[in-house]
C-alpha cells in the first residue's frame, strides 16, 4: 500500500502582518503629531488611516485563525492587534472631540504627540524582534514604556499650566483633550507590556 504524503498548510507571516498594521497606526500617529503642531490639514491623513488600520487588523486576525502554527499564542496576537487598533481609533476620537469643542491643540498636546510617536516606533522595533531576540524585544518594549512615562510627565505639566487659563470653557475643553492623550498612553503601555509578557511565556 502506497503511503500518501502529508502536507502542512502554509503559515502566514503573522508578525509581518502585525507590523503592517502597526505601520498604519504610526502613519496616523505622525498625522496626529502634525495636527498637534498646527497643521490642520493633517486631520484628513489621520482619518484616512483609520479604515486602513481596521483592514490591517482584519488581515492579522484572519491569518491567526488560518495559521497552522503561530509565532506567539493567538491570545497575545489578538491583544497586540486590538491594542494597536485602539490607539488609532482613540487618536481619531481625540481630534473629533477637539473639533466639536472648538479647542485646538497646544504645546503640551504637541509634546505628548511626539512622545507617542517615539513609543510607537519602539513597539514596532520590539515586535520586529519577537521570535528572534527576546531580550532585545523586551528592551525595546521597555523603551516604549519609558517614552510613555515622559508623555505622562508632559500631561502633568500641561494640566498644571491649565490652572492659569482664565477662560473656563477653554480650560475644561483642553483638560479633556489632555485626559484623552493620557489614556492613549495607557494603551501604549498595555501593548508594550503584552510584548514583554509574550517574550516571558516563550522563554
Protein backbone atom coordinates (compact mmCIF):
# COMPACT_ATOMS: atom_id res chain seq x y z
CA UNK A 1 0.00 0.00 0.00
CA UNK A 2 1.41 3.26 -1.06
CA UNK A 3 1.69 5.87 1.66
CA UNK A 4 0.16 9.23 1.00
CA UNK A 5 2.10 12.43 1.50
CA UNK A 6 1.20 14.80 4.29
CA UNK A 7 1.44 18.48 3.58
CA UNK A 8 1.31 21.06 6.33
CA UNK A 9 -0.60 24.21 5.43
CA UNK A 10 1.43 27.32 4.78
CA UNK A 11 1.96 29.53 7.78
CA UNK A 12 1.22 33.18 7.01
CA UNK A 13 3.64 35.82 8.21
CA UNK A 14 1.53 36.87 11.17
CA UNK A 15 4.18 39.12 12.69
CA UNK A 16 4.73 40.75 9.31
CA UNK A 17 1.01 41.47 9.07
CA UNK A 18 1.03 42.81 12.62
CA UNK A 19 3.85 45.18 11.73
CA UNK A 20 1.93 46.24 8.61
CA UNK A 21 -0.98 47.15 10.87
CA UNK A 22 1.41 48.95 13.17
CA UNK A 23 2.81 50.91 10.22
CA UNK A 24 -0.68 52.28 9.52
CA UNK A 25 -1.04 53.30 13.17
CA UNK A 26 2.36 55.00 13.03
CA UNK A 27 1.18 56.90 9.95
CA UNK A 28 -1.81 58.01 11.98
CA UNK A 29 0.39 58.93 14.93
CA UNK A 30 2.58 61.06 12.66
CA UNK A 31 -0.51 62.80 11.26
CA UNK A 32 -1.73 63.41 14.80
CA UNK A 33 1.64 64.93 15.72
CA UNK A 34 1.45 67.19 12.66
CA UNK A 35 -2.05 68.28 13.67
CA UNK A 36 -0.89 68.91 17.25
CA UNK A 37 1.92 71.07 15.86
CA UNK A 38 -0.57 73.25 13.97
CA UNK A 39 -1.09 71.51 10.61
CA UNK A 40 -4.87 71.38 10.38
CA UNK A 41 -4.78 69.54 7.04
CA UNK A 42 -3.13 66.54 8.73
CA UNK A 43 -6.53 65.61 10.19
CA UNK A 44 -7.56 64.10 6.86
CA UNK A 45 -4.48 61.87 6.81
CA UNK A 46 -5.31 60.70 10.32
CA UNK A 47 -8.91 59.93 9.45
CA UNK A 48 -7.85 58.15 6.27
CA UNK A 49 -5.61 55.89 8.34
CA UNK A 50 -8.50 54.60 10.47
CA UNK A 51 -10.21 52.36 7.85
CA UNK A 52 -6.79 51.21 6.64
CA UNK A 53 -5.97 50.18 10.19
CA UNK A 54 -9.24 48.28 10.50
CA UNK A 55 -8.49 46.37 7.30
CA UNK A 56 -4.98 45.58 8.52
CA UNK A 57 -6.39 44.33 11.82
CA UNK A 58 -8.79 42.00 9.99
CA UNK A 59 -5.86 40.67 7.97
CA UNK A 60 -3.96 39.88 11.18
CA UNK A 61 -6.90 38.12 12.80
CA UNK A 62 -7.68 36.13 9.65
CA UNK A 63 -4.06 34.99 9.49
CA UNK A 64 -4.14 33.94 13.14
CA UNK A 65 -7.33 31.99 12.51
CA UNK A 66 -5.97 30.23 9.43
CA UNK A 67 -2.41 29.56 10.57
CA UNK A 68 -1.42 26.01 11.49
CA UNK A 69 1.09 27.42 13.96
CA UNK A 70 1.73 30.98 15.09
CA UNK A 71 4.93 32.60 16.41
CA UNK A 72 3.04 33.78 19.52
CA UNK A 73 -0.03 32.42 21.23
CA UNK A 74 -3.22 33.57 19.49
CA UNK A 75 -4.42 35.44 22.58
CA UNK A 76 -1.23 37.54 22.56
CA UNK A 77 -1.53 38.29 18.86
CA UNK A 78 -5.17 39.27 19.34
CA UNK A 79 -4.30 41.56 22.27
CA UNK A 80 -1.47 43.23 20.34
CA UNK A 81 -3.57 43.79 17.23
CA UNK A 82 -6.52 45.09 19.22
CA UNK A 83 -4.35 47.45 21.24
CA UNK A 84 -2.68 48.86 18.14
CA UNK A 85 -6.12 49.40 16.61
CA UNK A 86 -7.45 51.13 19.73
CA UNK A 87 -4.57 53.62 19.66
CA UNK A 88 -5.50 54.73 16.16
CA UNK A 89 -9.21 54.86 16.98
CA UNK A 90 -8.57 56.95 20.09
CA UNK A 91 -6.46 59.42 18.14
CA UNK A 92 -9.31 59.99 15.71
CA UNK A 93 -11.75 60.34 18.62
CA UNK A 94 -9.50 62.96 20.23
CA UNK A 95 -9.34 65.09 17.08
CA UNK A 96 -13.10 64.74 16.55
CA UNK A 97 -13.75 65.92 20.08
CA UNK A 98 -11.34 68.83 19.66
CA UNK A 99 -13.34 69.96 16.64
CA UNK A 100 -16.69 69.58 18.41
CA UNK A 101 -15.43 71.61 21.36
CA UNK A 102 -13.70 74.09 19.05
CA UNK A 103 -10.50 73.58 21.02
CA UNK A 104 -7.25 73.22 19.11
CA UNK A 105 -4.05 71.64 20.43
CA UNK A 106 -1.40 73.43 22.43
CA UNK A 107 2.27 72.89 23.19
CA UNK A 108 1.54 70.25 25.82
CA UNK A 109 -0.50 68.12 23.44
CA UNK A 110 2.18 68.55 20.78
CA UNK A 111 4.78 67.29 23.25
CA UNK A 112 2.64 64.28 24.15
CA UNK A 113 2.11 63.54 20.46
CA UNK A 114 5.86 63.48 19.92
CA UNK A 115 6.36 61.04 22.80
CA UNK A 116 3.56 58.88 21.46
CA UNK A 117 5.30 58.65 18.08
CA UNK A 118 8.55 57.67 19.78
CA UNK A 119 6.79 54.98 21.80
CA UNK A 120 5.07 53.51 18.74
CA UNK A 121 8.36 53.20 16.88
CA UNK A 122 9.83 51.38 19.87
CA UNK A 123 6.90 48.99 19.84
CA UNK A 124 7.46 48.37 16.14
CA UNK A 125 11.09 47.59 16.92
CA UNK A 126 10.03 45.23 19.71
CA UNK A 127 7.54 43.32 17.56
CA UNK A 128 10.12 43.03 14.80
CA UNK A 129 12.40 41.23 17.26
CA UNK A 130 9.82 38.78 18.56
CA UNK A 131 10.77 35.20 17.91
CA UNK A 132 14.41 36.03 17.22
CA UNK A 133 15.76 38.09 20.11
CA UNK A 134 13.56 38.15 23.17
CA UNK A 135 16.00 40.19 25.23
CA UNK A 136 16.19 42.99 22.67
CA UNK A 137 12.42 42.84 22.13
CA UNK A 138 11.92 43.36 25.86
CA UNK A 139 14.39 46.24 25.90
CA UNK A 140 12.57 47.95 23.02
CA UNK A 141 9.23 47.44 24.79
CA UNK A 142 10.74 48.91 27.97
CA UNK A 143 11.89 51.92 25.91
CA UNK A 144 8.32 52.37 24.67
CA UNK A 145 7.11 52.40 28.27
CA UNK A 146 9.82 54.94 29.15
CA UNK A 147 8.61 57.20 26.32
CA UNK A 148 5.07 56.90 27.63
CA UNK A 149 6.27 57.91 31.09
CA UNK A 150 7.67 61.07 29.51
CA UNK A 151 4.27 61.57 27.90
CA UNK A 152 2.77 61.27 31.37
CA UNK A 153 5.13 63.94 32.71
CA UNK A 154 4.07 66.23 29.86
CA UNK A 155 0.46 65.54 30.80
CA UNK A 156 1.01 66.65 34.40
CA UNK A 157 2.89 69.78 33.31
CA UNK A 158 0.13 70.66 30.89
CA UNK A 159 -2.62 70.07 33.43
CA UNK A 160 -0.83 72.33 35.90
CA UNK A 161 -0.49 75.04 33.24
CA UNK A 162 -4.23 74.88 32.58
CA UNK A 163 -4.83 76.27 36.05
CA UNK A 164 -3.60 79.59 34.69
CA UNK A 165 -6.16 79.62 31.86
CA UNK A 166 -8.86 82.11 32.82
CA UNK A 167 -11.43 81.08 30.20
CA UNK A 168 -13.31 78.24 31.94
CA UNK A 169 -14.74 76.81 28.71
CA UNK A 170 -11.31 76.68 27.15
CA UNK A 171 -9.80 75.16 30.28
CA UNK A 172 -12.42 72.40 30.50
CA UNK A 173 -12.14 71.54 26.80
CA UNK A 174 -8.35 71.45 26.86
CA UNK A 175 -8.37 69.35 30.02
CA UNK A 176 -10.49 66.71 28.28
CA UNK A 177 -8.04 66.59 25.36
CA UNK A 178 -5.18 66.15 27.83
CA UNK A 179 -7.01 63.29 29.53
CA UNK A 180 -7.68 61.59 26.20
CA UNK A 181 -3.98 61.88 25.32
CA UNK A 182 -3.01 60.35 28.63
CA UNK A 183 -5.45 57.45 28.15
CA UNK A 184 -3.88 56.72 24.77
CA UNK A 185 -0.56 56.49 26.60
CA UNK A 186 -2.10 53.86 28.88
CA UNK A 187 -2.97 51.72 25.84
CA UNK A 188 0.61 52.07 24.61
CA UNK A 189 1.82 50.65 27.92
CA UNK A 190 -0.66 47.77 27.62
CA UNK A 191 0.71 46.88 24.18
CA UNK A 192 4.34 47.14 25.31
CA UNK A 193 3.67 45.01 28.37
CA UNK A 194 1.94 42.39 26.22
CA UNK A 195 5.14 42.15 24.17
CA UNK A 196 7.10 41.59 27.39
CA UNK A 197 4.58 39.00 28.56
CA UNK A 198 4.74 37.14 25.25
CA UNK A 199 8.54 37.01 25.49
CA UNK A 200 8.33 35.77 29.06
CA UNK A 201 5.92 32.97 28.12
CA UNK A 202 8.12 31.89 25.23
CA UNK A 203 11.34 31.76 27.24
